Every structure is written in structure tokens, then in C-alpha cells.
């Protein structure tokens, strides 16, 4: 199994793929309650499996939930269309959070490079890049 999270199933449900909303699937109210999902503007990401009801191979995908706890079937799942009955397994719910919002701010790579340059003074290679041709082509080792 490629993703270890696929071995866990938090909830399963049957749904009808919406015809008028670009192949969206609405998570039923009972499943939303079991999963602890609420309506929210920056909703979660779900890892789910989908297949036509009662048959076929499971397709595994990640999707952003809409404000109303719906998600779209990706374009690469061509054998499922609007109006089809499908089975869904929810494997994982991942909160959508900005990695930089934790208060650290942007990483200052320039400061790290300056500290490395200060410590480079102890290096016995003192000529830097001024004699590269001489060293590479054997004309001397200044």
C-alpha cells in the first residue's frame, strides 16, 4: 500500500455525483457530524477513496473541502460522471494551515550564509577563486 493512511477508514458513505456543480460530492450530514466537520471558509483537505457503487477499483485522492463540505472528483477519474452513484471512504482529514503563520516569519537564508562565510576564514584554501584556471590546468598551486 503506497500511503499508510489508506489502511485507516474514518467513515464511509454512498453519494450521488452532482450533475450541475462540476462533479462535486457532498459529504452527508451524518458523516460530517461523525468526522467533526463544520462549515468554514478555509476548510480541510481530505484523503479519500472513490469508486462506482458496489464495483470497480478504488481511486485514492486528496481534495480541498468547500465551505459546505463538498469536494470535486479530479479530472483523471474519467469513468465517473454526474448523476452516478459512488462509494466514498474518508481516510484522513488534514487541517489547512499556513506553514508560515506559526509566528516564525520568513526564513532568513542570507543570515545563515553570512555566518558560514565568517567561519570559512579558518579554511586553508586562501586563494578563493582567483587562481581557478591555474589549479584546474596544473599551472601552479598558489
C-alpha atoms as a PDB file:
ATOM      1  CA  UNK A   1       0.000   0.000   0.000  1.00  0.00           C
ATOM      2  CA  UNK A   2       1.591   3.257  -1.135  1.00  0.00           C
ATOM      3  CA  UNK A   3       0.097   5.529   1.525  1.00  0.00           C
ATOM      4  CA  UNK A   4      -0.114   4.131   5.081  1.00  0.00           C
ATOM      5  CA  UNK A   5      -3.120   6.375   5.820  1.00  0.00           C
ATOM      6  CA  UNK A   6      -5.204   4.355   3.371  1.00  0.00           C
ATOM      7  CA  UNK A   7      -5.278   1.467   5.852  1.00  0.00           C
ATOM      8  CA  UNK A   8      -7.425   3.591   8.184  1.00  0.00           C
ATOM      9  CA  UNK A   9     -11.022   4.419   7.280  1.00  0.00           C
ATOM     10  CA  UNK A  10     -12.635   7.178   9.348  1.00  0.00           C
ATOM     11  CA  UNK A  11     -16.025   6.968   7.630  1.00  0.00           C
ATOM     12  CA  UNK A  12     -17.761   5.505   4.592  1.00  0.00           C
ATOM     13  CA  UNK A  13     -20.849   6.675   2.726  1.00  0.00           C
ATOM     14  CA  UNK A  14     -22.686   6.422  -0.581  1.00  0.00           C
ATOM     15  CA  UNK A  15     -23.314   9.565  -2.600  1.00  0.00           C
ATOM     16  CA  UNK A  16     -24.610  10.807  -5.913  1.00  0.00           C
ATOM     17  CA  UNK A  17     -22.212  12.849  -8.025  1.00  0.00           C
ATOM     18  CA  UNK A  18     -23.792  16.250  -8.620  1.00  0.00           C
ATOM     19  CA  UNK A  19     -24.611  16.997 -12.258  1.00  0.00           C
ATOM     20  CA  UNK A  20     -24.768  20.774 -12.095  1.00  0.00           C
ATOM     21  CA  UNK A  21     -21.798  21.555  -9.860  1.00  0.00           C
ATOM     22  CA  UNK A  22     -18.829  20.188 -11.810  1.00  0.00           C
ATOM     23  CA  UNK A  23     -18.903  16.674 -10.321  1.00  0.00           C
ATOM     24  CA  UNK A  24     -18.990  17.706  -6.668  1.00  0.00           C
ATOM     25  CA  UNK A  25     -19.766  15.224  -3.923  1.00  0.00           C
ATOM     26  CA  UNK A  26     -21.452  16.457  -0.759  1.00  0.00           C
ATOM     27  CA  UNK A  27     -20.487  14.750   2.482  1.00  0.00           C
ATOM     28  CA  UNK A  28     -23.783  13.719   4.166  1.00  0.00           C
ATOM     29  CA  UNK A  29     -24.744  15.485   7.420  1.00  0.00           C
ATOM     30  CA  UNK A  30     -24.372  12.292   9.477  1.00  0.00           C
ATOM     31  CA  UNK A  31     -20.826  11.778   8.182  1.00  0.00           C
ATOM     32  CA  UNK A  32     -19.985  15.439   8.807  1.00  0.00           C
ATOM     33  CA  UNK A  33     -21.056  15.003  12.435  1.00  0.00           C
ATOM     34  CA  UNK A  34     -19.076  11.766  12.877  1.00  0.00           C
ATOM     35  CA  UNK A  35     -15.984  13.389  11.359  1.00  0.00           C
ATOM     36  CA  UNK A  36     -16.382  16.648  13.281  1.00  0.00           C
ATOM     37  CA  UNK A  37     -16.599  18.750  10.123  1.00  0.00           C
ATOM     38  CA  UNK A  38     -18.145  22.215  10.249  1.00  0.00           C
ATOM     39  CA  UNK A  39     -18.713  24.906   7.662  1.00  0.00           C
ATOM     40  CA  UNK A  40     -15.605  27.038   7.462  1.00  0.00           C
ATOM     41  CA  UNK A  41     -14.053  29.346   4.868  1.00  0.00           C
ATOM     42  CA  UNK A  42     -10.577  27.749   4.772  1.00  0.00           C
ATOM     43  CA  UNK A  43     -11.709  24.178   5.023  1.00  0.00           C
ATOM     44  CA  UNK A  44      -9.714  20.998   5.455  1.00  0.00           C
ATOM     45  CA  UNK A  45      -8.038  18.652   2.988  1.00  0.00           C
ATOM     46  CA  UNK A  46      -9.346  15.080   2.837  1.00  0.00           C
ATOM     47  CA  UNK A  47      -7.696  11.876   1.730  1.00  0.00           C
ATOM     48  CA  UNK A  48     -10.457   9.736   0.259  1.00  0.00           C
ATOM     49  CA  UNK A  49     -11.106   6.721  -1.933  1.00  0.00           C
ATOM     50  CA  UNK A  50     -13.883   6.609  -4.509  1.00  0.00           C
ATOM     51  CA  UNK A  51     -15.403   4.010  -6.829  1.00  0.00           C
ATOM     52  CA  UNK A  52     -18.723   3.382  -8.581  1.00  0.00           C
ATOM     53  CA  UNK A  53     -21.174   1.898  -6.072  1.00  0.00           C
ATOM     54  CA  UNK A  54     -20.580  -1.809  -5.497  1.00  0.00           C
ATOM     55  CA  UNK A  55     -17.972  -2.398  -8.187  1.00  0.00           C
ATOM     56  CA  UNK A  56     -14.646  -1.380  -9.628  1.00  0.00           C
ATOM     57  CA  UNK A  57     -11.276  -0.282  -8.451  1.00  0.00           C
ATOM     58  CA  UNK A  58     -10.808   2.288  -5.675  1.00  0.00           C
ATOM     59  CA  UNK A  59      -9.231   5.593  -6.742  1.00  0.00           C
ATOM     60  CA  UNK A  60      -7.357   7.470  -3.990  1.00  0.00           C
ATOM     61  CA  UNK A  61      -7.173  11.269  -3.982  1.00  0.00           C
ATOM     62  CA  UNK A  62      -6.607  14.381  -1.899  1.00  0.00           C
ATOM     63  CA  UNK A  63      -9.142  17.201  -2.163  1.00  0.00           C
ATOM     64  CA  UNK A  64      -9.941  20.535  -0.567  1.00  0.00           C
ATOM     65  CA  UNK A  65     -13.349  20.687   1.032  1.00  0.00           C
ATOM     66  CA  UNK A  66     -15.574  23.586   0.069  1.00  0.00           C
ATOM     67  CA  UNK A  67     -17.220  25.798   2.679  1.00  0.00           C
ATOM     68  CA  UNK A  68     -20.196  23.391   2.597  1.00  0.00           C
ATOM     69  CA  UNK A  69     -18.037  20.241   2.987  1.00  0.00           C
ATOM     70  CA  UNK A  70     -18.148  19.177  -0.650  1.00  0.00           C
ATOM     71  CA  UNK A  71     -15.244  18.075  -2.827  1.00  0.00           C
ATOM     72  CA  UNK A  72     -14.733  17.680  -6.562  1.00  0.00           C
ATOM     73  CA  UNK A  73     -13.780  14.498  -8.335  1.00  0.00           C
ATOM     74  CA  UNK A  74     -10.498  15.140 -10.194  1.00  0.00           C
ATOM     75  CA  UNK A  75     -10.415  15.180 -13.987  1.00  0.00           C
ATOM     76  CA  UNK A  76      -8.321  11.988 -14.176  1.00  0.00           C
ATOM     77  CA  UNK A  77     -11.271   9.936 -12.869  1.00  0.00           C
ATOM     78  CA  UNK A  78     -12.995   9.681 -16.231  1.00  0.00           C
ATOM     79  CA  UNK A  79     -15.222   6.675 -15.549  1.00  0.00           C
ATOM     80  CA  UNK A  80     -17.402   8.592 -13.034  1.00  0.00           C
ATOM     81  CA  UNK A  81     -19.748  11.304 -14.261  1.00  0.00           C
ATOM     82  CA  UNK A  82     -22.547  13.493 -12.977  1.00  0.00           C
ATOM     83  CA  UNK A  83     -25.518  11.530 -11.645  1.00  0.00           C
ATOM     84  CA  UNK A  84     -23.514   8.358 -10.915  1.00  0.00           C
ATOM     85  CA  UNK A  85     -23.845   6.576  -7.568  1.00  0.00           C
ATOM     86  CA  UNK A  86     -20.471   6.211  -5.817  1.00  0.00           C
ATOM     87  CA  UNK A  87     -18.963   4.793  -2.638  1.00  0.00           C
ATOM     88  CA  UNK A  88     -16.621   7.001  -0.619  1.00  0.00           C
ATOM     89  CA  UNK A  89     -14.137   6.137   2.124  1.00  0.00           C
ATOM     90  CA  UNK A  90     -12.664   9.029   4.103  1.00  0.00           C
ATOM     91  CA  UNK A  91      -9.186   8.057   5.305  1.00  0.00           C
ATOM     92  CA  UNK A  92      -7.744  11.257   6.696  1.00  0.00           C
ATOM     93  CA  UNK A  93      -8.704  14.870   7.372  1.00  0.00           C
ATOM     94  CA  UNK A  94      -5.848  17.366   7.324  1.00  0.00           C
ATOM     95  CA  UNK A  95      -6.391  20.914   8.633  1.00  0.00           C
ATOM     96  CA  UNK A  96      -5.397  23.550   6.091  1.00  0.00           C
ATOM     97  CA  UNK A  97      -2.937  25.852   7.844  1.00  0.00           C
ATOM     98  CA  UNK A  98      -0.344  28.241   6.523  1.00  0.00           C
ATOM     99  CA  UNK A  99       3.092  26.852   7.376  1.00  0.00           C
ATOM    100  CA  UNK A 100       4.465  30.367   7.931  1.00  0.00           C
ATOM    101  CA  UNK A 101       1.573  31.503  10.151  1.00  0.00           C
ATOM    102  CA  UNK A 102       3.186  29.967  13.233  1.00  0.00           C
ATOM    103  CA  UNK A 103       4.928  33.245  14.046  1.00  0.00           C
ATOM    104  CA  UNK A 104       8.366  32.334  12.736  1.00  0.00           C
ATOM    105  CA  UNK A 105       8.134  34.553   9.703  1.00  0.00           C
ATOM    106  CA  UNK A 106      10.143  34.020   6.544  1.00  0.00           C
ATOM    107  CA  UNK A 107      13.403  32.111   6.780  1.00  0.00           C
ATOM    108  CA  UNK A 108      16.457  34.373   6.580  1.00  0.00           C
ATOM    109  CA  UNK A 109      18.849  32.409   4.366  1.00  0.00           C
ATOM    110  CA  UNK A 110      21.118  35.459   3.997  1.00  0.00           C
ATOM    111  CA  UNK A 111      21.972  35.434   7.709  1.00  0.00           C
ATOM    112  CA  UNK A 112      22.880  31.764   7.545  1.00  0.00           C
ATOM    113  CA  UNK A 113      25.167  32.349   4.562  1.00  0.00           C
ATOM    114  CA  UNK A 114      26.930  35.228   6.340  1.00  0.00           C
ATOM    115  CA  UNK A 115      27.598  33.042   9.403  1.00  0.00           C
ATOM    116  CA  UNK A 116      29.017  30.325   7.164  1.00  0.00           C
ATOM    117  CA  UNK A 117      31.251  32.868   5.421  1.00  0.00           C
ATOM    118  CA  UNK A 118      32.605  34.101   8.774  1.00  0.00           C
ATOM    119  CA  UNK A 119      33.550  30.556   9.736  1.00  0.00           C
ATOM    120  CA  UNK A 120      35.198  29.996   6.349  1.00  0.00           C
ATOM    121  CA  UNK A 121      38.136  32.184   7.387  1.00  0.00           C
ATOM    122  CA  UNK A 122      39.637  29.125   9.099  1.00  0.00           C
ATOM    123  CA  UNK A 123      39.827  27.376   5.717  1.00  0.00           C
ATOM    124  CA  UNK A 124      43.366  26.749   4.442  1.00  0.00           C
ATOM    125  CA  UNK A 125      42.241  27.402   0.876  1.00  0.00           C
ATOM    126  CA  UNK A 126      43.090  31.100   0.918  1.00  0.00           C
ATOM    127  CA  UNK A 127      43.209  31.961  -2.756  1.00  0.00           C
ATOM    128  CA  UNK A 128      39.428  31.648  -3.208  1.00  0.00           C
ATOM    129  CA  UNK A 129      38.536  31.646  -6.878  1.00  0.00           C
ATOM    130  CA  UNK A 130      41.323  33.891  -8.120  1.00  0.00           C
ATOM    131  CA  UNK A 131      43.541  31.020  -9.297  1.00  0.00           C
ATOM    132  CA  UNK A 132      40.946  28.527 -10.533  1.00  0.00           C
ATOM    133  CA  UNK A 133      42.470  28.151 -14.004  1.00  0.00           C
ATOM    134  CA  UNK A 134      45.949  27.615 -12.598  1.00  0.00           C
ATOM    135  CA  UNK A 135      44.774  24.919 -10.202  1.00  0.00           C
ATOM    136  CA  UNK A 136      42.495  23.192 -12.724  1.00  0.00           C
ATOM    137  CA  UNK A 137      45.011  23.161 -15.558  1.00  0.00           C
ATOM    138  CA  UNK A 138      48.115  22.436 -13.477  1.00  0.00           C
ATOM    139  CA  UNK A 139      49.859  25.760 -13.969  1.00  0.00           C
ATOM    140  CA  UNK A 140      50.618  26.183 -10.318  1.00  0.00           C
ATOM    141  CA  UNK A 141      49.148  25.862  -6.873  1.00  0.00           C
ATOM    142  CA  UNK A 142      49.493  29.420  -5.440  1.00  0.00           C
END
